[in-house]
C-alpha atoms as a PDB file:
ATOM      1  CA  UNK A   1      48.969 -42.636   2.666  1.00  0.00           C
ATOM      2  CA  UNK A   2      47.865 -38.990   2.898  1.00  0.00           C
ATOM      3  CA  UNK A   3      47.549 -37.483   6.381  1.00  0.00           C
ATOM      4  CA  UNK A   4      44.517 -35.523   7.571  1.00  0.00           C
ATOM      5  CA  UNK A   5      44.388 -33.368  10.704  1.00  0.00           C
ATOM      6  CA  UNK A   6      40.976 -32.287  11.985  1.00  0.00           C
ATOM      7  CA  UNK A   7      40.172 -29.244  14.128  1.00  0.00           C
ATOM      8  CA  UNK A   8      36.844 -29.310  15.991  1.00  0.00           C
ATOM      9  CA  UNK A   9      35.319 -27.475  18.939  1.00  0.00           C
ATOM     10  CA  UNK A  10      32.072 -29.285  19.698  1.00  0.00           C
ATOM     11  CA  UNK A  11      30.098 -32.473  19.299  1.00  0.00           C
ATOM     12  CA  UNK A  12      32.383 -33.914  16.641  1.00  0.00           C
ATOM     13  CA  UNK A  13      29.781 -35.561  14.418  1.00  0.00           C
ATOM     14  CA  UNK A  14      31.555 -34.398  11.252  1.00  0.00           C
ATOM     15  CA  UNK A  15      34.967 -35.342  12.655  1.00  0.00           C
ATOM     16  CA  UNK A  16      33.690 -38.800  13.603  1.00  0.00           C
ATOM     17  CA  UNK A  17      32.163 -39.275  10.156  1.00  0.00           C
ATOM     18  CA  UNK A  18      35.419 -38.280   8.438  1.00  0.00           C
ATOM     19  CA  UNK A  19      37.504 -40.573  10.661  1.00  0.00           C
ATOM     20  CA  UNK A  20      35.200 -43.529   9.951  1.00  0.00           C
ATOM     21  CA  UNK A  21      35.104 -42.757   6.229  1.00  0.00           C
ATOM     22  CA  UNK A  22      38.902 -42.879   5.942  1.00  0.00           C
ATOM     23  CA  UNK A  23      39.401 -45.921   8.205  1.00  0.00           C
ATOM     24  CA  UNK A  24      38.732 -48.149   5.219  1.00  0.00           C
ATOM     25  CA  UNK A  25      40.580 -45.964   2.714  1.00  0.00           C
ATOM     26  CA  UNK A  26      43.986 -46.610   1.232  1.00  0.00           C
ATOM     27  CA  UNK A  27      44.156 -42.951   0.192  1.00  0.00           C
ATOM     28  CA  UNK A  28      44.229 -41.147   3.534  1.00  0.00           C
ATOM     29  CA  UNK A  29      43.860 -41.357   7.283  1.00  0.00           C
ATOM     30  CA  UNK A  30      43.084 -38.975  10.129  1.00  0.00           C
ATOM     31  CA  UNK A  31      46.275 -38.736  12.179  1.00  0.00           C
ATOM     32  CA  UNK A  32      45.071 -36.335  14.884  1.00  0.00           C
ATOM     33  CA  UNK A  33      42.178 -34.243  16.151  1.00  0.00           C
ATOM     34  CA  UNK A  34      42.922 -30.825  17.639  1.00  0.00           C
ATOM     35  CA  UNK A  35      40.452 -29.013  19.884  1.00  0.00           C
ATOM     36  CA  UNK A  36      40.367 -25.822  21.900  1.00  0.00           C
ATOM     37  CA  UNK A  37      37.549 -27.143  24.101  1.00  0.00           C
ATOM     38  CA  UNK A  38      38.569 -29.548  26.877  1.00  0.00           C
ATOM     39  CA  UNK A  39      34.895 -30.545  27.275  1.00  0.00           C
ATOM     40  CA  UNK A  40      34.152 -31.135  23.598  1.00  0.00           C
ATOM     41  CA  UNK A  41      32.401 -34.380  22.751  1.00  0.00           C
ATOM     42  CA  UNK A  42      34.758 -34.765  19.790  1.00  0.00           C
ATOM     43  CA  UNK A  43      37.484 -35.838  22.244  1.00  0.00           C
ATOM     44  CA  UNK A  44      35.718 -39.059  23.249  1.00  0.00           C
ATOM     45  CA  UNK A  45      34.619 -39.751  19.673  1.00  0.00           C
ATOM     46  CA  UNK A  46      38.177 -39.475  18.384  1.00  0.00           C
ATOM     47  CA  UNK A  47      39.659 -41.510  21.230  1.00  0.00           C
ATOM     48  CA  UNK A  48      37.034 -44.246  20.733  1.00  0.00           C
ATOM     49  CA  UNK A  49      38.212 -44.451  17.125  1.00  0.00           C
ATOM     50  CA  UNK A  50      41.870 -44.560  18.278  1.00  0.00           C
ATOM     51  CA  UNK A  51      42.760 -41.137  16.894  1.00  0.00           C
ATOM     52  CA  UNK A  52      45.097 -39.031  19.067  1.00  0.00           C
ATOM     53  CA  UNK A  53      43.689 -35.755  20.408  1.00  0.00           C
ATOM     54  CA  UNK A  54      45.539 -32.557  21.208  1.00  0.00           C
ATOM     55  CA  UNK A  55      43.827 -29.999  23.429  1.00  0.00           C
ATOM     56  CA  UNK A  56      45.161 -26.451  23.261  1.00  0.00           C
ATOM     57  CA  UNK A  57      44.306 -22.953  24.433  1.00  0.00           C
ATOM     58  CA  UNK A  58      43.451 -19.982  22.233  1.00  0.00           C
ATOM     59  CA  UNK A  59      46.817 -18.492  23.216  1.00  0.00           C
ATOM     60  CA  UNK A  60      48.664 -21.669  22.137  1.00  0.00           C
ATOM     61  CA  UNK A  61      46.807 -21.549  18.821  1.00  0.00           C
ATOM     62  CA  UNK A  62      47.878 -17.973  18.160  1.00  0.00           C
ATOM     63  CA  UNK A  63      51.457 -18.599  19.207  1.00  0.00           C
ATOM     64  CA  UNK A  64      53.685 -21.278  17.729  1.00  0.00           C
ATOM     65  CA  UNK A  65      52.812 -24.350  19.849  1.00  0.00           C
ATOM     66  CA  UNK A  66      49.964 -25.600  17.622  1.00  0.00           C
ATOM     67  CA  UNK A  67      51.885 -24.771  14.451  1.00  0.00           C
ATOM     68  CA  UNK A  68      54.855 -26.857  15.659  1.00  0.00           C
ATOM     69  CA  UNK A  69      52.575 -29.769  16.587  1.00  0.00           C
ATOM     70  CA  UNK A  70      51.029 -29.700  13.126  1.00  0.00           C
ATOM     71  CA  UNK A  71      54.412 -29.447  11.428  1.00  0.00           C
ATOM     72  CA  UNK A  72      55.522 -32.563  13.322  1.00  0.00           C
ATOM     73  CA  UNK A  73      52.560 -34.446  11.823  1.00  0.00           C
ATOM     74  CA  UNK A  74      53.237 -33.254   8.255  1.00  0.00           C
ATOM     75  CA  UNK A  75      49.578 -33.272   7.166  1.00  0.00           C
ATOM     76  CA  UNK A  76      48.497 -33.206   3.551  1.00  0.00           C
ATOM     77  CA  UNK A  77      45.196 -31.547   4.529  1.00  0.00           C
ATOM     78  CA  UNK A  78      43.875 -29.710   7.587  1.00  0.00           C
ATOM     79  CA  UNK A  79      40.114 -29.929   8.003  1.00  0.00           C
ATOM     80  CA  UNK A  80      38.060 -27.561  10.151  1.00  0.00           C
ATOM     81  CA  UNK A  81      34.931 -29.462  11.163  1.00  0.00           C
ATOM     82  CA  UNK A  82      32.944 -27.310  13.539  1.00  0.00           C
ATOM     83  CA  UNK A  83      35.978 -25.343  14.690  1.00  0.00           C
ATOM     84  CA  UNK A  84      34.835 -21.978  15.981  1.00  0.00           C
ATOM     85  CA  UNK A  85      38.018 -19.957  16.518  1.00  0.00           C
ATOM     86  CA  UNK A  86      39.512 -17.828  13.767  1.00  0.00           C
ATOM     87  CA  UNK A  87      42.419 -19.721  12.268  1.00  0.00           C
ATOM     88  CA  UNK A  88      45.632 -17.729  12.845  1.00  0.00           C
ATOM     89  CA  UNK A  89      47.682 -16.192  10.069  1.00  0.00           C
ATOM     90  CA  UNK A  90      50.791 -18.237  10.946  1.00  0.00           C
ATOM     91  CA  UNK A  91      48.902 -21.444  10.114  1.00  0.00           C
ATOM     92  CA  UNK A  92      47.193 -20.183   6.967  1.00  0.00           C
ATOM     93  CA  UNK A  93      50.560 -18.893   5.729  1.00  0.00           C
ATOM     94  CA  UNK A  94      52.290 -22.212   6.476  1.00  0.00           C
ATOM     95  CA  UNK A  95      49.584 -24.288   4.726  1.00  0.00           C
ATOM     96  CA  UNK A  96      48.168 -22.312   1.771  1.00  0.00           C
ATOM     97  CA  UNK A  97      45.348 -24.189   0.042  1.00  0.00           C
ATOM     98  CA  UNK A  98      45.797 -27.060   2.500  1.00  0.00           C
ATOM     99  CA  UNK A  99      43.221 -25.915   5.090  1.00  0.00           C
ATOM    100  CA  UNK A 100      39.510 -26.342   4.407  1.00  0.00           C
ATOM    101  CA  UNK A 101      36.365 -25.517   6.340  1.00  0.00           C
ATOM    102  CA  UNK A 102      32.730 -26.513   6.085  1.00  0.00           C
ATOM    103  CA  UNK A 103      30.149 -23.762   6.544  1.00  0.00           C
ATOM    104  CA  UNK A 104      26.439 -24.494   7.110  1.00  0.00           C
ATOM    105  CA  UNK A 105      25.156 -21.982   4.545  1.00  0.00           C
ATOM    106  CA  UNK A 106      25.654 -21.026   0.935  1.00  0.00           C
ATOM    107  CA  UNK A 107      28.471 -18.506   1.159  1.00  0.00           C
ATOM    108  CA  UNK A 108      28.779 -15.590   0.751  1.00  0.00           C
ATOM    109  CA  UNK A 109      25.366 -15.508   2.442  1.00  0.00           C
ATOM    110  CA  UNK A 110      25.419 -15.912   6.220  1.00  0.00           C
ATOM    111  CA  UNK A 111      29.190 -15.847   6.581  1.00  0.00           C
ATOM    112  CA  UNK A 112      31.507 -13.993   8.911  1.00  0.00           C
ATOM    113  CA  UNK A 113      32.193 -13.688  12.603  1.00  0.00           C
ATOM    114  CA  UNK A 114      29.439 -15.140  14.779  1.00  0.00           C
ATOM    115  CA  UNK A 115      27.761 -16.903  11.879  1.00  0.00           C
ATOM    116  CA  UNK A 116      27.845 -20.587  12.746  1.00  0.00           C
ATOM    117  CA  UNK A 117      25.476 -23.415  13.618  1.00  0.00           C
ATOM    118  CA  UNK A 118      22.097 -22.467  15.004  1.00  0.00           C
ATOM    119  CA  UNK A 119      22.821 -18.748  14.579  1.00  0.00           C
ATOM    120  CA  UNK A 120      22.756 -19.290  10.825  1.00  0.00           C
ATOM    121  CA  UNK A 121      19.756 -21.612  10.854  1.00  0.00           C
ATOM    122  CA  UNK A 122      17.744 -19.084  12.892  1.00  0.00           C
ATOM    123  CA  UNK A 123      18.573 -16.376  10.344  1.00  0.00           C
ATOM    124  CA  UNK A 124      17.488 -18.680   7.501  1.00  0.00           C
ATOM    125  CA  UNK A 125      14.078 -19.130   9.161  1.00  0.00           C
ATOM    126  CA  UNK A 126      13.758 -15.456  10.132  1.00  0.00           C
ATOM    127  CA  UNK A 127      14.524 -14.343   6.565  1.00  0.00           C
ATOM    128  CA  UNK A 128      12.156 -16.962   5.105  1.00  0.00           C
ATOM    129  CA  UNK A 129      14.790 -18.299   2.719  1.00  0.00           C
ATOM    130  CA  UNK A 130      13.667 -20.851   0.140  1.00  0.00           C
ATOM    131  CA  UNK A 131      16.948 -22.725   0.261  1.00  0.00           C
ATOM    132  CA  UNK A 132      20.204 -22.988   2.112  1.00  0.00           C
ATOM    133  CA  UNK A 133      23.029 -25.492   2.034  1.00  0.00           C
ATOM    134  CA  UNK A 134      26.671 -26.128   2.771  1.00  0.00           C
ATOM    135  CA  UNK A 135      29.864 -24.595   1.505  1.00  0.00           C
ATOM    136  CA  UNK A 136      33.281 -26.220   1.684  1.00  0.00           C
ATOM    137  CA  UNK A 137      36.007 -23.650   1.161  1.00  0.00           C
ATOM    138  CA  UNK A 138      39.689 -22.990   1.619  1.00  0.00           C
ATOM    139  CA  UNK A 139      40.593 -21.081   4.765  1.00  0.00           C
ATOM    140  CA  UNK A 140      42.345 -17.742   4.474  1.00  0.00           C
ATOM    141  CA  UNK A 141      42.939 -14.847   6.866  1.00  0.00           C
ATOM    142  CA  UNK A 142      39.251 -13.804   6.892  1.00  0.00           C
ATOM    143  CA  UNK A 143      36.195 -15.626   8.209  1.00  0.00           C
ATOM    144  CA  UNK A 144      34.431 -17.555   5.435  1.00  0.00           C
ATOM    145  CA  UNK A 145      36.096 -15.699   2.556  1.00  0.00           C
ATOM    146  CA  UNK A 146      38.405 -18.374   1.145  1.00  0.00           C
ATOM    147  CA  UNK A 147      37.936 -19.804  -2.328  1.00  0.00           C
ATOM    148  CA  UNK A 148      34.842 -21.997  -2.577  1.00  0.00           C
ATOM    149  CA  UNK A 149      35.547 -25.654  -3.374  1.00  0.00           C
ATOM    150  CA  UNK A 150      32.036 -27.124  -3.212  1.00  0.00           C
ATOM    151  CA  UNK A 151      28.454 -26.086  -2.507  1.00  0.00           C
ATOM    152  CA  UNK A 152      25.270 -28.108  -2.208  1.00  0.00           C
ATOM    153  CA  UNK A 153      21.859 -26.566  -1.692  1.00  0.00           C
ATOM    154  CA  UNK A 154      18.686 -27.901  -0.146  1.00  0.00           C
ATOM    155  CA  UNK A 155      15.137 -26.570  -0.026  1.00  0.00           C
ATOM    156  CA  UNK A 156      13.956 -25.320   3.351  1.00  0.00           C
ATOM    157  CA  UNK A 157      10.419 -24.422   2.301  1.00  0.00           C
ATOM    158  CA  UNK A 158       9.094 -27.190   4.560  1.00  0.00           C
ATOM    159  CA  UNK A 159      11.181 -26.148   7.584  1.00  0.00           C
ATOM    160  CA  UNK A 160       9.317 -24.629  10.508  1.00  0.00           C
ATOM    161  CA  UNK A 161      12.279 -24.103  12.832  1.00  0.00           C
ATOM    162  CA  UNK A 162      16.030 -23.677  12.970  1.00  0.00           C
ATOM    163  CA  UNK A 163      16.190 -27.260  14.244  1.00  0.00           C
ATOM    164  CA  UNK A 164      14.475 -28.452  11.048  1.00  0.00           C
ATOM    165  CA  UNK A 165      17.089 -26.604   8.984  1.00  0.00           C
ATOM    166  CA  UNK A 166      19.882 -28.105  11.111  1.00  0.00           C
ATOM    167  CA  UNK A 167      18.695 -31.641  10.299  1.00  0.00           C
ATOM    168  CA  UNK A 168      18.870 -30.974   6.562  1.00  0.00           C
ATOM    169  CA  UNK A 169      22.298 -29.323   6.817  1.00  0.00           C
ATOM    170  CA  UNK A 170      23.657 -32.201   8.906  1.00  0.00           C
ATOM    171  CA  UNK A 171      22.568 -34.691   6.228  1.00  0.00           C
ATOM    172  CA  UNK A 172      24.410 -32.684   3.556  1.00  0.00           C
ATOM    173  CA  UNK A 173      27.535 -32.420   5.711  1.00  0.00           C
ATOM    174  CA  UNK A 174      27.625 -36.139   6.479  1.00  0.00           C
ATOM    175  CA  UNK A 175      27.253 -37.107   2.812  1.00  0.00           C
ATOM    176  CA  UNK A 176      29.468 -34.575   1.054  1.00  0.00           C
ATOM    177  CA  UNK A 177      32.265 -33.528   3.434  1.00  0.00           C
ATOM    178  CA  UNK A 178      34.224 -36.834   3.364  1.00  0.00           C
ATOM    179  CA  UNK A 179      33.750 -37.132  -0.405  1.00  0.00           C
ATOM    180  CA  UNK A 180      35.139 -33.640  -1.037  1.00  0.00           C
ATOM    181  CA  UNK A 181      38.100 -34.354   1.259  1.00  0.00           C
ATOM    182  CA  UNK A 182      38.785 -37.535  -0.694  1.00  0.00           C
ATOM    183  CA  UNK A 183      38.709 -35.627  -3.985  1.00  0.00           C
ATOM    184  CA  UNK A 184      41.154 -33.044  -2.622  1.00  0.00           C
ATOM    185  CA  UNK A 185      43.575 -35.775  -1.593  1.00  0.00           C
ATOM    186  CA  UNK A 186      43.694 -37.404  -5.031  1.00  0.00           C
END
């Protein structure tokens, strides 16, 4: 059974979806959720699904504490699902091509520091884009610059607000993120 570790900072809807998806799988399982936010809703979602949670500080992430905790788990894949901190070099070096992230835009557009969630969706509306989408990519030392694994686009011509865009992106994330993870584990 392949082991998945999830990093999340917020509501945890993608983390919850991934955990549920793999609960009935013989291929892989989520062995832990890591978060830097002691108030994140992902904590309760993971605990309700009986997945252990580790809460850490930014300093612990950048030092060796988080790396050692991950090494103890021996994951086959590390999944960033709404994790907002830059992933440190010691982790990307220890797990090359084993860390993936989902980004709520079609990279390289709308990538980089500060480009996440509603910030991106507001830019999509402001720039009157015809389409946007999701990108699943490997994590390297730079924000949103790792090799692209998967992209899926969606029309936003009918969207009047950033919230409308968010709904469409969430649907893409919920459908495709677990499937791409499964493909990477095979």
